[in-house]
N, C-alpha and C. Protein backbone atom coordinates (compact mmCIF):
# COMPACT_ATOMS: atom_id res chain seq x y z
N MET A 1 -37.30 -0.87 -8.24
CA MET A 1 -37.89 0.12 -9.10
C MET A 1 -36.83 1.19 -9.33
N VAL A 2 -36.75 1.71 -10.54
CA VAL A 2 -35.82 2.78 -10.89
C VAL A 2 -36.63 3.90 -11.55
N ILE A 3 -36.53 5.10 -11.00
CA ILE A 3 -37.28 6.25 -11.50
C ILE A 3 -36.29 7.34 -11.89
N ALA A 4 -36.40 7.83 -13.12
CA ALA A 4 -35.52 8.89 -13.63
C ALA A 4 -35.86 10.23 -12.97
N PRO A 5 -34.88 11.15 -12.94
CA PRO A 5 -35.15 12.48 -12.39
C PRO A 5 -36.37 13.13 -13.05
N GLY A 6 -37.26 13.67 -12.21
CA GLY A 6 -38.46 14.33 -12.70
C GLY A 6 -39.62 13.40 -12.99
N ASP A 7 -39.39 12.08 -12.98
CA ASP A 7 -40.45 11.12 -13.25
C ASP A 7 -41.09 10.62 -11.96
N SER A 8 -42.20 9.88 -12.12
CA SER A 8 -42.88 9.31 -10.96
C SER A 8 -43.53 7.99 -11.34
N GLU A 9 -43.89 7.24 -10.32
CA GLU A 9 -44.64 5.99 -10.47
C GLU A 9 -45.86 6.08 -9.57
N GLY A 10 -46.98 5.55 -10.03
CA GLY A 10 -48.18 5.58 -9.22
C GLY A 10 -48.99 6.84 -9.47
N GLY A 11 -49.76 7.24 -8.49
CA GLY A 11 -50.60 8.42 -8.61
C GLY A 11 -51.83 8.29 -7.73
N PRO A 12 -52.78 9.20 -7.88
CA PRO A 12 -53.94 9.22 -6.99
C PRO A 12 -54.85 8.00 -7.10
N ASP A 13 -54.72 7.22 -8.18
CA ASP A 13 -55.54 6.02 -8.34
C ASP A 13 -54.74 4.74 -8.09
N ASN A 14 -53.47 4.86 -7.71
CA ASN A 14 -52.60 3.69 -7.55
C ASN A 14 -52.65 3.15 -6.13
N SER A 15 -53.02 1.88 -6.01
CA SER A 15 -52.97 1.18 -4.73
C SER A 15 -52.89 -0.31 -5.01
N HIS A 16 -52.49 -1.06 -4.01
CA HIS A 16 -52.41 -2.52 -4.13
C HIS A 16 -53.50 -3.07 -3.21
N ARG A 17 -54.52 -3.64 -3.81
CA ARG A 17 -55.71 -4.07 -3.07
C ARG A 17 -55.42 -5.09 -1.98
N GLY A 18 -54.52 -6.02 -2.28
CA GLY A 18 -54.34 -7.13 -1.34
C GLY A 18 -52.97 -7.26 -0.75
N ALA A 19 -52.12 -6.23 -0.86
CA ALA A 19 -50.75 -6.37 -0.36
C ALA A 19 -50.23 -5.08 0.25
N ASP A 20 -49.48 -5.24 1.33
CA ASP A 20 -48.70 -4.12 1.87
C ASP A 20 -47.44 -4.02 1.01
N GLN A 21 -46.92 -2.81 0.84
CA GLN A 21 -45.68 -2.59 0.09
C GLN A 21 -44.64 -1.99 1.02
N TRP A 22 -43.51 -2.67 1.14
CA TRP A 22 -42.35 -2.12 1.85
C TRP A 22 -41.42 -1.57 0.79
N LEU A 23 -41.07 -0.29 0.89
CA LEU A 23 -40.20 0.38 -0.06
C LEU A 23 -38.93 0.80 0.67
N TYR A 24 -37.78 0.34 0.19
CA TYR A 24 -36.48 0.71 0.77
C TYR A 24 -35.70 1.47 -0.29
N VAL A 25 -35.22 2.66 0.03
CA VAL A 25 -34.48 3.49 -0.93
C VAL A 25 -33.01 3.09 -0.91
N LEU A 26 -32.55 2.61 -2.08
CA LEU A 26 -31.14 2.23 -2.25
C LEU A 26 -30.27 3.44 -2.54
N SER A 27 -30.76 4.32 -3.43
CA SER A 27 -30.01 5.54 -3.78
C SER A 27 -30.95 6.56 -4.40
N GLY A 28 -30.49 7.80 -4.40
CA GLY A 28 -31.28 8.88 -4.96
C GLY A 28 -32.15 9.55 -3.91
N SER A 29 -32.99 10.46 -4.38
CA SER A 29 -33.88 11.18 -3.47
C SER A 29 -35.21 11.46 -4.15
N GLY A 30 -36.22 11.64 -3.34
CA GLY A 30 -37.54 11.91 -3.88
C GLY A 30 -38.54 12.12 -2.77
N VAL A 31 -39.79 11.92 -3.12
CA VAL A 31 -40.87 12.07 -2.16
C VAL A 31 -41.91 10.99 -2.43
N ALA A 32 -42.46 10.44 -1.36
CA ALA A 32 -43.58 9.52 -1.45
C ALA A 32 -44.82 10.27 -1.00
N ILE A 33 -45.87 10.16 -1.78
CA ILE A 33 -47.15 10.74 -1.39
C ILE A 33 -48.07 9.56 -1.10
N VAL A 34 -48.32 9.34 0.17
CA VAL A 34 -49.10 8.19 0.63
C VAL A 34 -50.34 8.72 1.34
N ALA A 35 -51.50 8.41 0.79
CA ALA A 35 -52.77 8.91 1.34
C ALA A 35 -52.71 10.44 1.52
N LYS A 36 -52.17 11.11 0.51
CA LYS A 36 -52.07 12.58 0.44
C LYS A 36 -51.06 13.19 1.41
N ARG A 37 -50.25 12.35 2.10
CA ARG A 37 -49.22 12.86 3.00
C ARG A 37 -47.86 12.65 2.35
N LYS A 38 -47.00 13.67 2.39
CA LYS A 38 -45.69 13.60 1.76
C LYS A 38 -44.63 13.13 2.76
N THR A 39 -43.78 12.20 2.29
CA THR A 39 -42.66 11.70 3.08
C THR A 39 -41.41 11.81 2.23
N PRO A 40 -40.37 12.52 2.71
CA PRO A 40 -39.13 12.61 1.93
C PRO A 40 -38.45 11.25 1.83
N LEU A 41 -37.82 11.00 0.69
CA LEU A 41 -37.10 9.75 0.46
C LEU A 41 -35.63 10.05 0.18
N ARG A 42 -34.76 9.27 0.81
CA ARG A 42 -33.32 9.34 0.54
C ARG A 42 -32.75 7.97 0.87
N ALA A 43 -31.52 7.72 0.48
CA ALA A 43 -30.89 6.42 0.71
C ALA A 43 -31.05 6.02 2.17
N GLY A 44 -31.51 4.79 2.39
CA GLY A 44 -31.71 4.27 3.74
C GLY A 44 -33.12 4.40 4.27
N THR A 45 -33.99 5.14 3.58
CA THR A 45 -35.38 5.27 4.02
C THR A 45 -36.11 3.96 3.81
N LEU A 46 -36.87 3.54 4.82
CA LEU A 46 -37.74 2.38 4.74
C LEU A 46 -39.16 2.87 4.98
N LEU A 47 -40.06 2.57 4.06
CA LEU A 47 -41.41 3.09 4.12
C LEU A 47 -42.41 1.95 3.95
N LEU A 48 -43.42 1.89 4.81
CA LEU A 48 -44.51 0.94 4.67
C LEU A 48 -45.70 1.65 4.03
N ILE A 49 -46.18 1.08 2.91
CA ILE A 49 -47.39 1.56 2.27
C ILE A 49 -48.42 0.45 2.45
N GLU A 50 -49.39 0.69 3.32
CA GLU A 50 -50.36 -0.35 3.65
C GLU A 50 -51.31 -0.63 2.49
N ARG A 51 -51.76 -1.88 2.44
CA ARG A 51 -52.66 -2.32 1.36
C ARG A 51 -53.82 -1.37 1.19
N ALA A 52 -54.19 -1.17 -0.06
CA ALA A 52 -55.33 -0.33 -0.45
C ALA A 52 -55.12 1.16 -0.20
N THR A 53 -53.90 1.58 0.12
CA THR A 53 -53.61 2.99 0.34
C THR A 53 -53.06 3.60 -0.96
N THR A 54 -53.65 4.70 -1.40
CA THR A 54 -53.17 5.34 -2.63
C THR A 54 -51.77 5.90 -2.40
N HIS A 55 -50.95 5.82 -3.47
CA HIS A 55 -49.58 6.31 -3.32
C HIS A 55 -48.93 6.64 -4.67
N GLU A 56 -47.95 7.52 -4.58
CA GLU A 56 -47.14 7.93 -5.73
C GLU A 56 -45.72 8.12 -5.22
N ILE A 57 -44.74 7.71 -6.02
CA ILE A 57 -43.33 7.90 -5.70
C ILE A 57 -42.75 8.81 -6.77
N ARG A 58 -42.17 9.94 -6.35
CA ARG A 58 -41.60 10.92 -7.28
C ARG A 58 -40.09 11.06 -7.05
N ASN A 59 -39.36 11.14 -8.15
CA ASN A 59 -37.93 11.43 -8.07
C ASN A 59 -37.78 12.94 -8.16
N THR A 60 -37.34 13.55 -7.07
CA THR A 60 -37.14 15.00 -7.03
C THR A 60 -35.66 15.37 -7.09
N GLY A 61 -34.82 14.36 -7.26
CA GLY A 61 -33.38 14.59 -7.28
C GLY A 61 -32.83 14.72 -8.69
N ARG A 62 -31.49 14.68 -8.78
CA ARG A 62 -30.79 14.83 -10.05
C ARG A 62 -30.22 13.52 -10.57
N SER A 63 -30.39 12.46 -9.81
CA SER A 63 -29.91 11.14 -10.24
C SER A 63 -31.06 10.15 -10.15
N LEU A 64 -30.82 8.92 -10.61
CA LEU A 64 -31.86 7.90 -10.54
C LEU A 64 -32.28 7.63 -9.10
N LEU A 65 -33.57 7.44 -8.89
CA LEU A 65 -34.09 7.01 -7.60
C LEU A 65 -34.26 5.51 -7.70
N LYS A 66 -33.50 4.75 -6.90
CA LYS A 66 -33.54 3.29 -6.95
C LYS A 66 -34.10 2.77 -5.64
N THR A 67 -35.13 1.93 -5.76
CA THR A 67 -35.76 1.36 -4.57
C THR A 67 -35.89 -0.16 -4.70
N LEU A 68 -35.92 -0.80 -3.57
CA LEU A 68 -36.23 -2.22 -3.48
C LEU A 68 -37.61 -2.30 -2.87
N ASN A 69 -38.53 -3.01 -3.53
CA ASN A 69 -39.91 -3.09 -3.08
C ASN A 69 -40.28 -4.53 -2.79
N VAL A 70 -40.89 -4.76 -1.63
CA VAL A 70 -41.35 -6.08 -1.23
C VAL A 70 -42.84 -5.98 -0.93
N TYR A 71 -43.62 -6.90 -1.50
CA TYR A 71 -45.07 -6.90 -1.33
C TYR A 71 -45.46 -8.12 -0.50
N VAL A 72 -46.26 -7.87 0.54
CA VAL A 72 -46.67 -8.94 1.45
C VAL A 72 -48.19 -8.92 1.60
N PRO A 73 -48.92 -9.95 1.17
CA PRO A 73 -48.45 -11.05 0.35
C PRO A 73 -48.07 -10.54 -1.04
N PRO A 74 -47.52 -11.39 -1.90
CA PRO A 74 -47.12 -10.95 -3.23
C PRO A 74 -48.25 -10.23 -3.97
N ALA A 75 -47.91 -9.19 -4.71
CA ALA A 75 -48.90 -8.39 -5.42
C ALA A 75 -48.87 -8.62 -6.93
N TYR A 76 -47.79 -9.21 -7.45
CA TYR A 76 -47.62 -9.35 -8.89
C TYR A 76 -47.19 -10.76 -9.27
N THR A 77 -47.55 -11.16 -10.49
CA THR A 77 -47.06 -12.41 -11.05
C THR A 77 -45.62 -12.19 -11.51
N SER A 78 -44.96 -13.24 -11.91
CA SER A 78 -43.58 -13.11 -12.42
C SER A 78 -43.54 -12.32 -13.72
N ASP A 79 -44.68 -12.18 -14.41
CA ASP A 79 -44.77 -11.38 -15.64
C ASP A 79 -45.07 -9.91 -15.36
N GLY A 80 -45.32 -9.55 -14.09
CA GLY A 80 -45.59 -8.17 -13.73
C GLY A 80 -47.06 -7.80 -13.68
N ASP A 81 -47.94 -8.79 -13.87
CA ASP A 81 -49.37 -8.53 -13.78
C ASP A 81 -49.81 -8.57 -12.32
N GLU A 82 -50.72 -7.66 -11.95
CA GLU A 82 -51.20 -7.63 -10.56
C GLU A 82 -52.04 -8.86 -10.26
N LEU A 83 -51.76 -9.48 -9.11
CA LEU A 83 -52.55 -10.63 -8.67
C LEU A 83 -53.87 -10.16 -8.08
N PRO A 84 -54.94 -10.95 -8.25
CA PRO A 84 -56.19 -10.60 -7.58
C PRO A 84 -56.00 -10.68 -6.06
N ARG A 85 -56.76 -9.91 -5.34
CA ARG A 85 -56.68 -9.90 -3.88
C ARG A 85 -56.82 -11.33 -3.32
N GLY A 86 -55.94 -11.68 -2.41
CA GLY A 86 -56.03 -12.96 -1.75
C GLY A 86 -55.25 -14.08 -2.42
N LYS A 87 -54.71 -13.87 -3.62
CA LYS A 87 -53.91 -14.89 -4.30
C LYS A 87 -52.47 -14.82 -3.81
N LYS A 88 -51.89 -15.93 -3.43
CA LYS A 88 -50.53 -15.97 -2.91
C LYS A 88 -49.71 -16.93 -3.76
N ARG A 89 -48.72 -16.38 -4.45
CA ARG A 89 -47.86 -17.20 -5.30
C ARG A 89 -46.42 -16.74 -5.16
N GLY A 90 -45.71 -17.29 -4.21
CA GLY A 90 -44.29 -16.93 -4.05
C GLY A 90 -44.10 -15.56 -3.49
N ILE A 91 -42.89 -15.05 -3.59
CA ILE A 91 -42.53 -13.73 -3.07
C ILE A 91 -42.33 -12.78 -4.25
N SER A 92 -42.89 -11.58 -4.16
CA SER A 92 -42.80 -10.59 -5.23
C SER A 92 -41.84 -9.49 -4.81
N VAL A 93 -40.75 -9.34 -5.54
CA VAL A 93 -39.75 -8.31 -5.25
C VAL A 93 -39.48 -7.56 -6.54
N SER A 94 -39.43 -6.23 -6.47
CA SER A 94 -39.10 -5.46 -7.68
C SER A 94 -38.05 -4.41 -7.37
């Protein structure tokens, strides 16, 4: 995932019903708001967002925030559509 300075992904209604999300920060800085708790993000941060937990990722820095996201089990199809809970089709990485 790549987020421009000042932008965000997710929000108070964003969650993955059937998958945990592992988020690893490759570069940049920001904040993750997970279940209303803020966690600072910087290169090297590894964050677990458990299934069905609301979350938002914000870029609070001056450069792109780049993350590698892994969903277990997969949360999306190869076209980017969210899979229904319990469907397992390969590994989903973004």
